[in-house]
Amino acid sequence: MILIKHGLLIDPKRGEVIRADMLIKDGVIAKIAETIDEQADTIIDAKGKYVGPGLVDVHVHFRDPGFTHKEDIETGAKAAAAGGVTTVVLMANTSPAVDNVDTLRYVLDKGAKTDIRVETCGNITVGLKGKELTDMEALLEAGAAGFTDDGIPILDEMMVRRAMEQAAALSAKTGKPIPLSFHEENPAFIENNGINRGKASAHFGIGGSDRQAEISMIARDLQLALETGASFDVQHISTKEGVALVREAKKKGANIHAEATPHHIFLTEEAAIAHGTLAKMNPPLRTQEDQDAIIEGLFDGTIDMIATDHAPHAANEKALEITKAPSGIIGLETSLPICITKLYREKQMSLPMLFDRLSYGPARLYGFDRGYIAEGAAADLVIFDPDAQVTFTEFASKSQNSPFSGTLLYGKISHTICRGNVIYGQ
């Protein structure tokens, strides 16, 4: 048993923060009360700290199988634990891709041996080629949490429609949410990806990624989602126009969801100019107006999730010139401090709202009974001090590709608990 004393408990489900003790037993929250004096194997004094539900990150790359020089399931899980993340949903652009039951089981079986909860999506199309749908029903029965071809946009509109119709039918058949998450970038509008077409691309003397690449794909797929009724997630939204499109689609009652990344919340294309390949990602960092629109979307619920797009790359890969280095940054360990610094401290977002976007909202999308604090709920928790400073100089991730190395942030994590076990901190 674990007894947490004197903590400020954040429950996004009820939208409240209360000062209370918490007793954890057999992997669940057994008791919440103003004072608990029962004996426990471990006592954590959380005085002056907040206790939130463990983060549920629904956009994560562990690079396993196929690219384990960048990250693997074990090192990725350690990075997650250090960042207060207790559930991850892995993307399926591995090698081999998660377009078959055997690869899916490999990922889930390996993930089950870690300290966190590892879920994974299956692919929408065979081999990520956008030509043939996978056996979504078989993958779903084998444990797929949802479906995505993340990293590669599906350009064939009829293929997208068929995928949405299939997912909607399976959801109706099973009574479970079956999210489809899409990477929305049309290569027809991209000359060099990972850098915004504008001030940043001009700085590097390259073509860059035009904002229309995202806008056009979001507009198409929102309409298809409205027509099919599929559960549709716009990944890592980066443009003010994309936010506006999602806002209008939600008003029409569509089963629409959207993610924002911590890096799009905190940085603009100025960071790409300052940090080069360490701030190169797809979609790219854009303008201050775009960042403001994303934050507004998080406040009004247009964007209902914060997800990292944790994308590890080896140092020698990121050392290549700007047009050849791969896109993506790590994010699991910095996610909560970035959000505490930018959204809670600077923008005055309430902690229940913040943890709705970080934990409860993502869990709802995938049908996980997690992301909130109540008696009987899963004992997946993060304990942190929003006033304590933290600066990252090295990471638990196998890769170190982050523009936030050396940045002063707030929100130091003292403990992460998953399934009632302390997996980070002492």
Protein backbone atom coordinates (compact mmCIF):
# COMPACT_ATOMS: atom_id res chain seq x y z
CA MET A 1 0.00 0.00 0.00
CA ILE A 2 1.03 3.59 -0.66
CA LEU A 3 -0.21 6.52 1.40
CA ILE A 4 0.07 9.99 -0.13
CA LYS A 5 -0.25 12.68 2.54
CA HIS A 6 -1.16 16.38 2.30
CA GLY A 7 -1.45 16.51 -1.49
CA LEU A 8 -3.55 18.80 -3.65
CA LEU A 9 -5.53 16.34 -5.78
CA ILE A 10 -6.44 17.39 -9.33
CA ASP A 11 -9.49 15.69 -10.79
CA PRO A 12 -10.29 16.80 -14.36
CA LYS A 13 -13.44 14.64 -14.44
CA ARG A 14 -15.12 16.74 -11.74
CA GLY A 15 -13.11 19.86 -12.52
CA GLU A 16 -11.81 20.36 -9.00
CA VAL A 17 -8.72 20.49 -6.82
CA ILE A 18 -9.00 19.30 -3.21
CA ARG A 19 -6.50 18.99 -0.39
CA ALA A 20 -6.63 15.39 0.85
CA ASP A 21 -4.75 12.21 1.66
CA MET A 22 -4.91 9.23 -0.68
CA LEU A 23 -4.50 5.51 0.01
CA ILE A 24 -3.49 3.22 -2.86
CA LYS A 25 -4.05 -0.52 -2.65
CA ASP A 26 -3.97 -3.30 -5.26
CA GLY A 27 -3.36 -0.89 -8.11
CA VAL A 28 -6.34 1.38 -7.46
CA ILE A 29 -7.15 4.43 -5.36
CA ALA A 30 -8.71 2.80 -2.31
CA LYS A 31 -9.54 5.87 -0.26
CA ILE A 32 -9.52 9.66 -0.44
CA ALA A 33 -10.13 11.59 2.76
CA GLU A 34 -9.07 14.76 4.53
CA THR A 35 -6.87 12.67 6.82
CA ILE A 36 -5.88 9.01 6.50
CA ASP A 37 -3.82 7.41 9.27
CA GLU A 38 -3.70 3.80 8.06
CA GLN A 39 -0.42 1.92 7.93
CA ALA A 40 1.22 1.70 4.50
CA ASP A 41 4.35 0.20 2.98
CA THR A 42 5.28 3.56 1.46
CA ILE A 43 4.36 7.05 2.67
CA ILE A 44 4.82 10.01 0.33
CA ASP A 45 4.61 13.47 1.81
CA ALA A 46 3.12 15.61 -0.96
CA LYS A 47 2.82 18.80 1.07
CA GLY A 48 3.11 21.77 -1.26
CA LYS A 49 2.72 19.51 -4.30
CA TYR A 50 -0.10 18.58 -6.64
CA VAL A 51 -1.22 15.04 -7.43
CA GLY A 52 -2.67 14.65 -10.92
CA PRO A 53 -3.75 11.68 -12.99
CA GLY A 54 -0.85 10.20 -14.93
CA LEU A 55 -0.52 11.69 -18.40
CA VAL A 56 -2.10 9.78 -21.28
CA ASP A 57 -0.02 10.53 -24.37
CA VAL A 58 -1.76 9.32 -27.52
CA HIS A 59 0.96 10.23 -30.04
CA VAL A 60 4.26 8.54 -29.28
CA HIS A 61 7.04 6.87 -31.30
CA PHE A 62 9.14 4.21 -29.57
CA ARG A 63 10.76 3.17 -32.91
CA ASP A 64 10.44 -0.52 -32.04
CA PRO A 65 10.64 -2.66 -34.16
CA GLY A 66 13.06 -1.48 -36.80
CA PHE A 67 14.71 1.72 -35.55
CA THR A 68 15.87 0.82 -32.07
CA HIS A 69 19.09 2.82 -32.40
CA LYS A 70 16.79 5.83 -31.85
CA GLU A 71 14.56 4.41 -29.08
CA ASP A 72 13.09 1.11 -27.99
CA ILE A 73 10.10 0.16 -25.92
CA GLU A 74 12.12 -0.16 -22.71
CA THR A 75 13.94 3.17 -22.98
CA GLY A 76 10.79 4.89 -24.18
CA ALA A 77 8.92 3.61 -21.14
CA LYS A 78 11.63 4.99 -18.86
CA ALA A 79 11.35 8.39 -20.53
CA ALA A 80 7.58 8.28 -20.11
CA ALA A 81 7.86 7.46 -16.41
CA ALA A 82 10.29 10.35 -15.90
CA GLY A 83 7.74 12.66 -17.52
CA GLY A 84 4.73 11.55 -15.49
CA VAL A 85 3.29 9.69 -18.48
CA THR A 86 1.60 6.44 -17.43
CA THR A 87 -0.14 5.51 -20.70
CA VAL A 88 1.21 5.84 -24.23
CA VAL A 89 -0.44 5.08 -27.54
CA LEU A 90 2.29 4.20 -30.01
CA MET A 91 2.25 5.11 -33.67
CA ALA A 92 2.53 2.32 -36.18
CA ASN A 93 5.16 3.55 -38.67
CA THR A 94 7.72 0.99 -37.55
CA SER A 95 9.61 -1.57 -39.65
CA PRO A 96 7.86 -3.89 -40.10
CA ALA A 97 4.80 -1.70 -39.88
CA VAL A 98 2.00 -2.60 -37.48
CA ASP A 99 -0.20 -3.71 -40.35
CA ASN A 100 -0.39 -7.31 -39.16
CA VAL A 101 -1.29 -9.16 -35.99
CA ASP A 102 2.19 -10.59 -35.38
CA THR A 103 3.87 -7.17 -35.22
CA LEU A 104 1.04 -5.80 -33.13
CA ARG A 105 1.47 -8.61 -30.60
CA TYR A 106 5.23 -8.07 -30.53
CA VAL A 107 4.74 -4.44 -29.52
CA LEU A 108 2.03 -5.17 -26.96
CA ASP A 109 3.88 -8.12 -25.41
CA LYS A 110 7.09 -6.11 -25.07
CA GLY A 111 5.18 -3.13 -23.73
CA ALA A 112 3.48 -5.30 -21.10
CA LYS A 113 6.88 -5.96 -19.54
CA THR A 114 7.51 -2.26 -18.84
CA ASP A 115 6.38 -0.17 -15.87
CA ILE A 116 3.86 1.89 -17.86
CA ARG A 117 0.78 1.05 -19.92
CA VAL A 118 1.81 0.62 -23.56
CA GLU A 119 -0.98 0.70 -26.12
CA THR A 120 -0.47 0.85 -29.88
CA CYS A 121 -2.33 1.76 -33.01
CA GLY A 122 -2.44 -0.46 -36.06
CA ASN A 123 -1.93 0.87 -39.55
CA ILE A 124 -4.77 2.08 -41.72
CA THR A 125 -3.13 0.91 -44.94
CA VAL A 126 -0.87 -2.03 -45.71
CA GLY A 127 2.80 -1.07 -45.58
CA LEU A 128 1.86 2.61 -45.07
CA LYS A 129 1.43 2.81 -48.84
CA GLY A 130 -2.07 4.25 -48.92
CA LYS A 131 -3.27 1.67 -51.44
CA GLU A 132 -4.96 -1.13 -49.48
CA LEU A 133 -6.74 -1.17 -46.13
CA THR A 134 -5.40 -3.42 -43.41
CA ASP A 135 -7.59 -6.05 -41.76
CA MET A 136 -8.77 -3.56 -39.19
CA GLU A 137 -11.11 -6.02 -37.51
CA ALA A 138 -8.33 -8.56 -36.93
CA LEU A 139 -5.99 -5.88 -35.59
CA LEU A 140 -8.73 -4.57 -33.33
CA GLU A 141 -9.42 -8.03 -31.93
CA ALA A 142 -5.68 -8.47 -31.29
CA GLY A 143 -5.57 -5.29 -29.19
CA ALA A 144 -5.08 -2.28 -31.48
CA ALA A 145 -6.18 0.91 -29.71
CA GLY A 146 -6.95 2.74 -32.95
CA PHE A 147 -5.56 3.21 -36.44
CA THR A 148 -3.12 5.58 -38.14
CA ASP A 149 -0.58 5.88 -40.93
CA ASP A 150 1.10 8.64 -38.91
CA GLY A 151 4.00 10.31 -40.64
CA ILE A 152 2.53 9.60 -44.06
CA PRO A 153 -0.63 11.39 -45.21
CA ILE A 154 -3.21 9.30 -47.06
CA LEU A 155 -3.67 11.17 -50.33
CA ASP A 156 -6.35 8.94 -51.88
CA GLU A 157 -9.66 10.43 -50.77
CA MET A 158 -11.58 7.24 -51.51
CA MET A 159 -9.16 5.26 -49.33
CA VAL A 160 -9.76 7.69 -46.45
CA ARG A 161 -13.51 7.39 -46.90
CA ARG A 162 -13.36 3.60 -46.88
CA ALA A 163 -11.17 3.61 -43.75
CA MET A 164 -13.60 5.92 -41.96
CA GLU A 165 -16.61 3.84 -43.00
CA GLN A 166 -14.88 0.67 -41.80
CA ALA A 167 -13.90 2.20 -38.45
CA ALA A 168 -17.42 3.59 -37.91
CA ALA A 169 -18.93 0.18 -38.68
CA LEU A 170 -16.55 -1.59 -36.29
CA SER A 171 -17.28 0.96 -33.59
CA ALA A 172 -21.01 0.36 -33.99
CA LYS A 173 -20.45 -3.40 -33.91
CA THR A 174 -18.23 -3.41 -30.81
CA GLY A 175 -19.69 -0.45 -28.94
CA LYS A 176 -16.18 0.93 -28.49
CA PRO A 177 -14.53 4.10 -29.80
CA ILE A 178 -12.19 3.35 -32.69
CA PRO A 179 -10.21 6.51 -33.41
CA LEU A 180 -8.50 7.19 -36.70
CA SER A 181 -5.66 9.69 -36.34
CA PHE A 182 -4.29 11.44 -39.39
CA HIS A 183 -1.07 13.22 -40.26
CA GLU A 184 -2.39 16.15 -42.29
CA GLU A 185 0.29 17.41 -44.67
CA ASN A 186 -0.14 17.40 -48.44
CA PRO A 187 3.31 17.03 -50.04
CA ALA A 188 2.13 19.05 -53.04
CA PHE A 189 2.57 22.17 -50.88
CA ILE A 190 5.94 21.17 -49.40
CA GLU A 191 9.36 21.72 -50.97
CA ASN A 192 11.48 21.00 -47.87
CA ASN A 193 9.55 19.59 -44.94
CA GLY A 194 10.02 20.39 -41.27
CA ILE A 195 10.54 24.16 -41.66
CA ASN A 196 7.73 26.71 -42.02
CA ARG A 197 7.49 28.48 -45.35
CA GLY A 198 8.00 32.05 -44.27
CA LYS A 199 10.63 33.64 -42.09
CA ALA A 200 12.27 30.32 -41.16
CA SER A 201 12.50 28.96 -44.72
CA ALA A 202 13.86 32.31 -45.92
CA HIS A 203 16.53 32.16 -43.21
CA PHE A 204 17.72 28.76 -44.44
CA GLY A 205 17.22 29.57 -48.12
CA ILE A 206 14.86 26.64 -48.69
CA GLY A 207 11.28 26.20 -49.85
CA GLY A 208 9.83 24.90 -46.59
CA SER A 209 6.36 23.65 -45.74
CA ASP A 210 3.48 25.91 -46.72
CA ARG A 211 0.60 26.15 -44.24
CA GLN A 212 -1.80 25.13 -47.02
CA ALA A 213 -0.32 21.64 -46.81
CA GLU A 214 -2.10 21.20 -43.48
CA ILE A 215 -5.18 23.30 -44.16
CA SER A 216 -6.18 21.46 -47.32
CA MET A 217 -5.92 18.00 -45.77
CA ILE A 218 -7.77 18.97 -42.59
CA ALA A 219 -10.62 20.48 -44.63
CA ARG A 220 -10.96 17.33 -46.75
CA ASP A 221 -10.88 14.89 -43.86
CA LEU A 222 -13.22 16.85 -41.61
CA GLN A 223 -15.83 16.70 -44.36
CA LEU A 224 -15.32 12.95 -44.75
CA ALA A 225 -15.63 12.48 -40.99
CA LEU A 226 -18.88 14.44 -41.00
CA GLU A 227 -20.24 12.23 -43.76
CA THR A 228 -19.15 8.90 -42.28
CA GLY A 229 -19.50 9.51 -38.53
CA ALA A 230 -16.02 8.14 -37.86
CA SER A 231 -14.05 9.13 -34.77
CA PHE A 232 -11.38 11.35 -36.31
CA ASP A 233 -8.33 12.89 -34.64
CA VAL A 234 -6.39 15.71 -36.30
CA GLN A 235 -2.82 15.11 -35.21
CA HIS A 236 -0.41 17.84 -34.03
CA ILE A 237 -2.37 20.80 -35.39
CA SER A 238 -0.10 23.74 -36.31
CA THR A 239 -2.12 26.42 -38.14
CA LYS A 240 -4.71 28.95 -37.03
CA GLU A 241 -6.81 27.99 -40.06
CA GLY A 242 -6.71 24.34 -39.02
CA VAL A 243 -7.95 25.27 -35.56
CA ALA A 244 -10.81 27.28 -37.07
CA LEU A 245 -11.81 24.39 -39.33
CA VAL A 246 -11.95 21.98 -36.39
CA ARG A 247 -13.97 24.47 -34.36
CA GLU A 248 -16.60 24.76 -37.09
CA ALA A 249 -16.75 21.00 -37.65
CA LYS A 250 -17.32 20.36 -33.96
CA LYS A 251 -20.30 22.73 -34.04
CA LYS A 252 -21.87 20.39 -36.61
CA GLY A 253 -21.75 17.52 -34.13
CA ALA A 254 -19.01 15.50 -35.76
CA ASN A 255 -16.94 13.06 -33.72
CA ILE A 256 -13.92 15.32 -34.23
CA HIS A 257 -10.87 15.60 -32.02
CA ALA A 258 -7.56 17.42 -32.29
CA GLU A 259 -4.11 17.31 -30.70
CA ALA A 260 -1.67 20.09 -29.95
CA THR A 261 1.95 19.35 -29.12
CA PRO A 262 3.86 21.04 -26.30
CA HIS A 263 6.36 22.35 -28.84
CA HIS A 264 3.67 24.07 -30.92
CA ILE A 265 2.29 25.54 -27.69
CA PHE A 266 5.68 26.87 -26.52
CA LEU A 267 7.74 27.64 -29.65
CA THR A 268 7.42 29.44 -32.98
CA GLU A 269 9.49 29.33 -36.16
CA GLU A 270 12.00 31.56 -34.40
CA ALA A 271 13.13 28.42 -32.54
CA ALA A 272 13.87 26.69 -35.84
CA ILE A 273 16.10 29.61 -36.76
CA ALA A 274 17.83 29.42 -33.36
CA HIS A 275 18.12 25.64 -32.98
CA GLY A 276 18.21 24.37 -36.56
CA THR A 277 17.53 20.66 -36.92
CA LEU A 278 16.76 20.29 -33.20
CA ALA A 279 13.60 22.32 -33.87
CA LYS A 280 12.75 20.71 -37.19
CA MET A 281 9.51 18.72 -37.10
CA ASN A 282 6.45 17.85 -39.16
CA PRO A 283 4.31 19.89 -39.19
CA PRO A 284 6.77 22.71 -38.57
CA LEU A 285 6.78 25.40 -35.92
CA ARG A 286 4.86 28.31 -37.36
CA THR A 287 4.03 31.91 -36.36
CA GLN A 288 3.00 33.62 -33.14
CA GLU A 289 -0.53 33.98 -34.54
CA ASP A 290 -0.70 30.22 -35.04
CA GLN A 291 0.54 29.56 -31.53
CA ASP A 292 -2.02 31.98 -30.09
CA ALA A 293 -4.81 30.22 -32.01
CA ILE A 294 -3.68 26.81 -30.76
CA ILE A 295 -3.71 28.02 -27.16
CA GLU A 296 -7.14 29.59 -27.66
CA GLY A 297 -8.31 26.25 -29.08
CA LEU A 298 -7.06 24.46 -25.99
CA PHE A 299 -8.96 26.85 -23.74
CA ASP A 300 -12.28 26.60 -25.59
CA GLY A 301 -12.08 22.84 -26.16
CA THR A 302 -11.62 22.94 -29.93
CA ILE A 303 -8.36 21.13 -29.27
CA ASP A 304 -9.14 18.50 -26.66
CA MET A 305 -5.76 16.80 -26.26
CA ILE A 306 -2.11 17.60 -25.72
CA ALA A 307 0.12 14.89 -27.20
CA THR A 308 3.88 15.00 -27.59
CA ASP A 309 4.60 13.32 -30.93
CA HIS A 310 7.69 12.02 -29.10
CA ALA A 311 10.00 11.39 -32.06
CA PRO A 312 13.52 10.24 -31.14
CA HIS A 313 16.41 10.47 -33.60
CA ALA A 314 20.09 9.67 -33.15
CA ALA A 315 22.59 12.51 -32.77
CA ASN A 316 24.37 11.75 -36.06
CA GLU A 317 21.03 11.94 -37.89
CA LYS A 318 20.14 15.32 -36.44
CA ALA A 319 23.68 16.55 -37.19
CA LEU A 320 22.95 16.45 -40.93
CA GLU A 321 22.19 19.65 -42.83
CA ILE A 322 18.73 21.16 -42.48
CA THR A 323 17.28 19.61 -45.64
CA LYS A 324 18.60 16.10 -44.87
CA ALA A 325 18.13 15.72 -41.11
CA PRO A 326 14.96 13.87 -40.07
CA SER A 327 12.05 15.77 -38.58
CA GLY A 328 10.93 15.31 -34.98
CA ILE A 329 11.90 15.94 -31.37
CA ILE A 330 11.59 14.00 -28.13
CA GLY A 331 8.91 15.23 -25.77
CA LEU A 332 7.81 12.80 -23.07
CA GLU A 333 9.99 14.21 -20.30
CA THR A 334 9.40 17.89 -21.02
CA SER A 335 5.65 17.77 -21.73
CA LEU A 336 4.29 18.51 -18.27
CA PRO A 337 6.87 21.21 -17.38
CA ILE A 338 6.24 22.96 -20.71
CA CYS A 339 2.49 22.94 -20.10
CA ILE A 340 2.87 24.10 -16.50
CA THR A 341 5.18 26.91 -17.61
CA LYS A 342 3.21 28.11 -20.63
CA LEU A 343 -0.42 27.23 -19.98
CA TYR A 344 -0.74 27.22 -16.18
CA ARG A 345 1.72 29.89 -15.08
CA GLU A 346 1.70 32.22 -18.09
CA LYS A 347 -1.80 31.76 -19.54
CA GLN A 348 -3.58 30.97 -16.24
CA MET A 349 -5.19 27.73 -17.42
CA SER A 350 -6.67 25.89 -14.45
CA LEU A 351 -5.02 22.62 -13.48
CA PRO A 352 -8.25 20.60 -13.92
CA MET A 353 -8.55 21.94 -17.47
CA LEU A 354 -4.87 21.27 -18.16
CA PHE A 355 -5.16 17.69 -16.96
CA ASP A 356 -8.31 17.22 -18.99
CA ARG A 357 -6.20 17.96 -22.06
CA LEU A 358 -3.21 15.90 -20.86
CA SER A 359 -4.97 12.92 -19.30
CA TYR A 360 -8.74 12.62 -19.18
CA GLY A 361 -9.49 13.87 -22.71
CA PRO A 362 -7.02 11.52 -24.43
CA ALA A 363 -8.26 8.61 -22.31
CA ARG A 364 -11.87 9.36 -23.30
CA LEU A 365 -11.01 9.33 -26.99
CA TYR A 366 -9.59 5.81 -26.77
CA GLY A 367 -12.08 4.50 -24.25
CA PHE A 368 -9.52 4.01 -21.48
CA ASP A 369 -10.89 4.13 -17.94
CA ARG A 370 -8.06 6.38 -16.81
CA GLY A 371 -7.07 10.00 -16.55
CA TYR A 372 -9.05 11.02 -13.47
CA ILE A 373 -8.81 10.77 -9.67
CA ALA A 374 -11.53 9.08 -7.63
CA GLU A 375 -11.92 6.19 -5.24
CA GLY A 376 -11.82 3.01 -7.30
CA ALA A 377 -9.96 4.64 -10.18
CA ALA A 378 -6.65 3.37 -11.50
CA ALA A 379 -3.71 4.47 -9.35
CA ASP A 380 -1.89 6.10 -12.27
CA LEU A 381 -0.58 9.39 -10.89
CA VAL A 382 2.01 12.13 -11.18
CA ILE A 383 3.15 14.25 -8.23
CA PHE A 384 4.74 17.61 -9.06
CA ASP A 385 5.49 21.09 -7.80
CA PRO A 386 4.37 23.80 -10.26
CA ASP A 387 6.61 26.35 -8.57
CA ALA A 388 9.78 24.25 -8.64
CA GLN A 389 12.16 24.98 -11.48
CA VAL A 390 13.59 22.26 -13.69
CA THR A 391 16.23 22.40 -16.42
CA PHE A 392 16.93 19.41 -18.63
CA THR A 393 20.53 18.72 -19.60
CA GLU A 394 20.13 15.03 -20.38
CA PHE A 395 17.17 12.73 -20.91
CA ALA A 396 16.15 9.19 -20.03
CA SER A 397 15.25 8.69 -23.69
CA LYS A 398 17.86 6.89 -25.79
CA SER A 399 17.90 9.99 -28.04
CA GLN A 400 18.54 13.55 -26.91
CA ASN A 401 17.07 15.58 -29.79
CA SER A 402 15.29 18.40 -27.99
CA PRO A 403 15.32 22.19 -28.42
CA PHE A 404 14.36 22.41 -24.72
CA SER A 405 17.73 21.23 -23.44
CA GLY A 406 18.94 23.95 -21.08
CA THR A 407 15.58 25.79 -21.01
CA LEU A 408 14.37 26.90 -17.58
CA LEU A 409 10.91 25.43 -17.00
CA TYR A 410 8.56 24.99 -14.04
CA GLY A 411 6.76 21.90 -12.79
CA LYS A 412 9.34 19.53 -11.36
CA ILE A 413 8.04 15.96 -11.08
CA SER A 414 8.84 14.15 -7.85
CA HIS A 415 6.97 10.85 -8.37
CA THR A 416 5.21 8.87 -11.05
CA ILE A 417 2.93 6.01 -10.00
CA CYS A 418 1.45 3.45 -12.40
CA ARG A 419 -0.82 0.55 -11.42
CA GLY A 420 -0.16 1.48 -7.80
CA ASN A 421 3.63 1.17 -8.12
CA VAL A 422 6.14 4.01 -7.81
CA ILE A 423 7.95 3.92 -11.16
CA TYR A 424 9.80 7.22 -10.88
CA GLY A 425 11.06 9.01 -7.78
CA GLN A 426 11.59 7.75 -4.26
